[in-house]
C-alpha atoms as a PDB file:
ATOM      1  CA  MET A   1      93.065 118.242 126.354  1.00  0.00           C
ATOM      2  CA  PHE A   2      93.833 116.440 123.111  1.00  0.00           C
ATOM      3  CA  GLY A   3      90.551 114.526 123.094  1.00  0.00           C
ATOM      4  CA  ASP A   4      88.510 117.710 123.447  1.00  0.00           C
ATOM      5  CA  TYR A   5      90.347 119.214 120.480  1.00  0.00           C
ATOM      6  CA  ILE A   6      89.655 116.152 118.312  1.00  0.00           C
ATOM      7  CA  ARG A   7      85.980 116.121 119.327  1.00  0.00           C
ATOM      8  CA  GLU A   8      85.672 119.836 118.558  1.00  0.00           C
ATOM      9  CA  LYS A   9      87.208 119.456 115.082  1.00  0.00           C
ATOM     10  CA  ARG A  10      85.084 116.365 114.372  1.00  0.00           C
ATOM     11  CA  THR A  11      81.841 118.106 115.300  1.00  0.00           C
ATOM     12  CA  GLU A  12      82.826 121.268 113.393  1.00  0.00           C
ATOM     13  CA  ARG A  13      83.045 119.078 110.301  1.00  0.00           C
ATOM     14  CA  GLY A  14      79.749 117.353 111.040  1.00  0.00           C
ATOM     15  CA  LEU A  15      81.307 113.918 111.404  1.00  0.00           C
ATOM     16  CA  SER A  16      80.076 111.158 113.655  1.00  0.00           C
ATOM     17  CA  LEU A  17      82.569 109.067 115.566  1.00  0.00           C
ATOM     18  CA  ALA A  18      81.901 106.184 113.164  1.00  0.00           C
ATOM     19  CA  GLU A  19      82.544 108.395 110.135  1.00  0.00           C
ATOM     20  CA  LEU A  20      85.836 109.637 111.574  1.00  0.00           C
ATOM     21  CA  ALA A  21      86.778 106.054 112.379  1.00  0.00           C
ATOM     22  CA  ARG A  22      86.200 105.013 108.771  1.00  0.00           C
ATOM     23  CA  SER A  23      88.094 107.951 107.290  1.00  0.00           C
ATOM     24  CA  SER A  24      91.032 107.699 109.706  1.00  0.00           C
ATOM     25  CA  GLY A  25      91.379 103.920 109.585  1.00  0.00           C
ATOM     26  CA  HIS A  26      91.087 103.530 113.354  1.00  0.00           C
ATOM     27  CA  SER A  27      88.285 101.942 115.324  1.00  0.00           C
ATOM     28  CA  ALA A  28      85.495 103.985 116.866  1.00  0.00           C
ATOM     29  CA  SER A  29      86.460 102.550 120.257  1.00  0.00           C
ATOM     30  CA  THR A  30      90.029 103.851 119.844  1.00  0.00           C
ATOM     31  CA  LEU A  31      88.745 107.306 118.922  1.00  0.00           C
ATOM     32  CA  HIS A  32      86.191 107.228 121.730  1.00  0.00           C
ATOM     33  CA  GLY A  33      89.007 106.512 124.180  1.00  0.00           C
ATOM     34  CA  ILE A  34      90.980 109.462 122.850  1.00  0.00           C
ATOM     35  CA  GLU A  35      88.024 111.853 122.961  1.00  0.00           C
ATOM     36  CA  ASN A  36      87.079 110.809 126.491  1.00  0.00           C
ATOM     37  CA  GLY A  37      90.614 111.048 127.828  1.00  0.00           C
ATOM     38  CA  ASP A  38      91.079 107.332 128.424  1.00  0.00           C
ATOM     39  CA  ASN A  39      93.983 107.430 125.948  1.00  0.00           C
ATOM     40  CA  GLN A  40      95.849 110.673 126.567  1.00  0.00           C
ATOM     41  CA  ASN A  41      98.943 109.566 124.678  1.00  0.00           C
ATOM     42  CA  PRO A  42      97.877 108.163 121.294  1.00  0.00           C
ATOM     43  CA  ARG A  43     100.480 106.816 118.899  1.00  0.00           C
ATOM     44  CA  PHE A  44     101.881 109.299 116.415  1.00  0.00           C
ATOM     45  CA  ARG A  45     100.411 107.320 113.490  1.00  0.00           C
ATOM     46  CA  ILE A  46      96.919 107.840 114.939  1.00  0.00           C
ATOM     47  CA  ILE A  47      97.562 111.574 115.261  1.00  0.00           C
ATOM     48  CA  ILE A  48      98.735 111.783 111.644  1.00  0.00           C
ATOM     49  CA  ASN A  49      95.706 109.844 110.408  1.00  0.00           C
ATOM     50  CA  LEU A  50      93.345 112.052 112.422  1.00  0.00           C
ATOM     51  CA  CYS A  51      94.942 115.161 110.952  1.00  0.00           C
ATOM     52  CA  LYS A  52      94.399 113.798 107.444  1.00  0.00           C
ATOM     53  CA  ALA A  53      90.817 112.750 108.159  1.00  0.00           C
ATOM     54  CA  LEU A  54      89.972 116.099 109.779  1.00  0.00           C
ATOM     55  CA  ASP A  55      91.871 118.079 107.119  1.00  0.00           C
ATOM     56  CA  ILE A  56      94.141 119.848 109.575  1.00  0.00           C
ATOM     57  CA  SER A  57      97.921 120.069 109.553  1.00  0.00           C
ATOM     58  CA  LEU A  58     100.182 118.868 112.321  1.00  0.00           C
ATOM     59  CA  ASP A  59     101.299 122.485 112.691  1.00  0.00           C
ATOM     60  CA  GLU A  60      97.708 123.633 113.173  1.00  0.00           C
ATOM     61  CA  MET A  61      97.201 121.000 115.844  1.00  0.00           C
ATOM     62  CA  ARG A  62     100.461 121.857 117.577  1.00  0.00           C
ATOM     63  CA  ASN A  63      99.630 125.574 117.507  1.00  0.00           C
ATOM     64  CA  ALA A  64      96.303 124.892 119.178  1.00  0.00           C
ATOM     65  CA  PHE A  65      98.179 123.537 122.191  1.00  0.00           C
ATOM     66  CA  ASP A  66     101.045 126.046 122.116  1.00  0.00           C
ATOM     67  CA  ASN A  67      98.537 128.895 122.428  1.00  0.00           C
ATOM     68  CA  LYS A  68      96.827 127.506 125.541  1.00  0.00           C
END
């Protein structure tokens, strides 16, 4: 699930939800919804901003799901 992947990458980097919210430019409630599966289809802009904030490429993210 997308939210599990984001949570895993966030915790690997030692970031709180609030810290990721600040660095991605999206609210903690938006990110919480993604991580908990309430929002399983986030806008592409959110995905791009999360990739930047978590220092991962879109290809890396895509590969994580292609290999499952």
